[in-house]
Every structure is written in C-alpha cells, then in structure tokens.
Amino acid sequence: MSGILFLIPIALFMGLLGLGAFIWAVRSGQFDDPIGSANRILIDEDEPL
C-alpha cells in the first residue's frame, strides 16, 4: 500500500512534466512547418549515376 502512495504522485508529476514540455514545444514553434512537410515528399534526393 505504501508503494502505491509513493508511485501515484511520481506518475502524476511525470505526466504533468511531459504535458508541460509538449505545450512548450507547441508554443515555441517546434511543430510549425506545414509547407516543408508537404514539399519534402516531392523532392527526389537520389542522384542519377
């Protein structure tokens, strides 16, 4: 029983830490590249021999 009382707050803290890191990444523009992702598939990087 004491193990659960120890692990639940740690799990909640780690979940909130991960959520905070995700929100920080979204606000700092880490996921803002819709044009580059769409065009990257069209670029042929293989050079002819």
C-alpha atoms as a PDB file:
ATOM      1  CA  MET A   1       0.000   0.000   0.000  1.00  0.00           C
ATOM      2  CA  SER A   2       2.799   2.413   0.786  1.00  0.00           C
ATOM      3  CA  GLY A   3       4.289   1.724  -2.648  1.00  0.00           C
ATOM      4  CA  ILE A   4       1.132   2.984  -4.349  1.00  0.00           C
ATOM      5  CA  LEU A   5       1.137   6.106  -2.201  1.00  0.00           C
ATOM      6  CA  PHE A   6       4.697   6.704  -3.365  1.00  0.00           C
ATOM      7  CA  LEU A   7       4.230   5.904  -7.070  1.00  0.00           C
ATOM      8  CA  ILE A   8       0.987   7.762  -7.826  1.00  0.00           C
ATOM      9  CA  PRO A   9       2.353  11.271  -7.064  1.00  0.00           C
ATOM     10  CA  ILE A  10       5.519  10.488  -9.043  1.00  0.00           C
ATOM     11  CA  ALA A  11       3.444   9.325 -12.029  1.00  0.00           C
ATOM     12  CA  LEU A  12       1.244  12.421 -11.857  1.00  0.00           C
ATOM     13  CA  PHE A  13       4.297  14.680 -11.656  1.00  0.00           C
ATOM     14  CA  MET A  14       5.943  12.992 -14.638  1.00  0.00           C
ATOM     15  CA  GLY A  15       2.704  13.228 -16.644  1.00  0.00           C
ATOM     16  CA  LEU A  16       2.381  16.939 -15.896  1.00  0.00           C
ATOM     17  CA  LEU A  17       6.051  17.432 -16.751  1.00  0.00           C
ATOM     18  CA  GLY A  18       5.526  15.737 -20.132  1.00  0.00           C
ATOM     19  CA  LEU A  19       2.402  17.797 -20.777  1.00  0.00           C
ATOM     20  CA  GLY A  20       4.304  20.961 -19.920  1.00  0.00           C
ATOM     21  CA  ALA A  21       7.129  20.011 -22.294  1.00  0.00           C
ATOM     22  CA  PHE A  22       4.608  19.358 -25.075  1.00  0.00           C
ATOM     23  CA  ILE A  23       2.846  22.693 -24.527  1.00  0.00           C
ATOM     24  CA  TRP A  24       6.213  24.478 -24.500  1.00  0.00           C
ATOM     25  CA  ALA A  25       7.181  22.796 -27.790  1.00  0.00           C
ATOM     26  CA  VAL A  26       3.912  23.805 -29.431  1.00  0.00           C
ATOM     27  CA  ARG A  27       4.181  27.423 -28.278  1.00  0.00           C
ATOM     28  CA  SER A  28       7.822  27.749 -29.335  1.00  0.00           C
ATOM     29  CA  GLY A  29       7.008  26.634 -32.894  1.00  0.00           C
ATOM     30  CA  GLN A  30       8.533  23.165 -32.951  1.00  0.00           C
ATOM     31  CA  PHE A  31       5.598  21.803 -34.969  1.00  0.00           C
ATOM     32  CA  ASP A  32       5.176  24.735 -37.398  1.00  0.00           C
ATOM     33  CA  ASP A  33       6.295  23.548 -40.823  1.00  0.00           C
ATOM     34  CA  PRO A  34       3.243  22.556 -42.866  1.00  0.00           C
ATOM     35  CA  ILE A  35       4.751  23.636 -46.203  1.00  0.00           C
ATOM     36  CA  GLY A  36       8.091  21.877 -45.706  1.00  0.00           C
ATOM     37  CA  SER A  37       6.487  18.583 -44.787  1.00  0.00           C
ATOM     38  CA  ALA A  38       4.193  18.692 -47.795  1.00  0.00           C
ATOM     39  CA  ASN A  39       7.016  19.507 -50.222  1.00  0.00           C
ATOM     40  CA  ARG A  40       9.607  17.153 -48.744  1.00  0.00           C
ATOM     41  CA  ILE A  41       7.888  14.094 -50.188  1.00  0.00           C
ATOM     42  CA  LEU A  42       8.144  15.559 -53.716  1.00  0.00           C
ATOM     43  CA  ILE A  43      11.903  16.181 -53.615  1.00  0.00           C
ATOM     44  CA  ASP A  44      13.929  13.442 -55.250  1.00  0.00           C
ATOM     45  CA  GLU A  45      17.183  13.112 -53.319  1.00  0.00           C
ATOM     46  CA  ASP A  46      18.561  10.247 -55.391  1.00  0.00           C
ATOM     47  CA  GLU A  47      21.220  11.415 -57.800  1.00  0.00           C
ATOM     48  CA  PRO A  48      21.468   9.582 -61.125  1.00  0.00           C
ATOM     49  CA  LEU A  49      24.642   7.574 -61.590  1.00  0.00           C
END
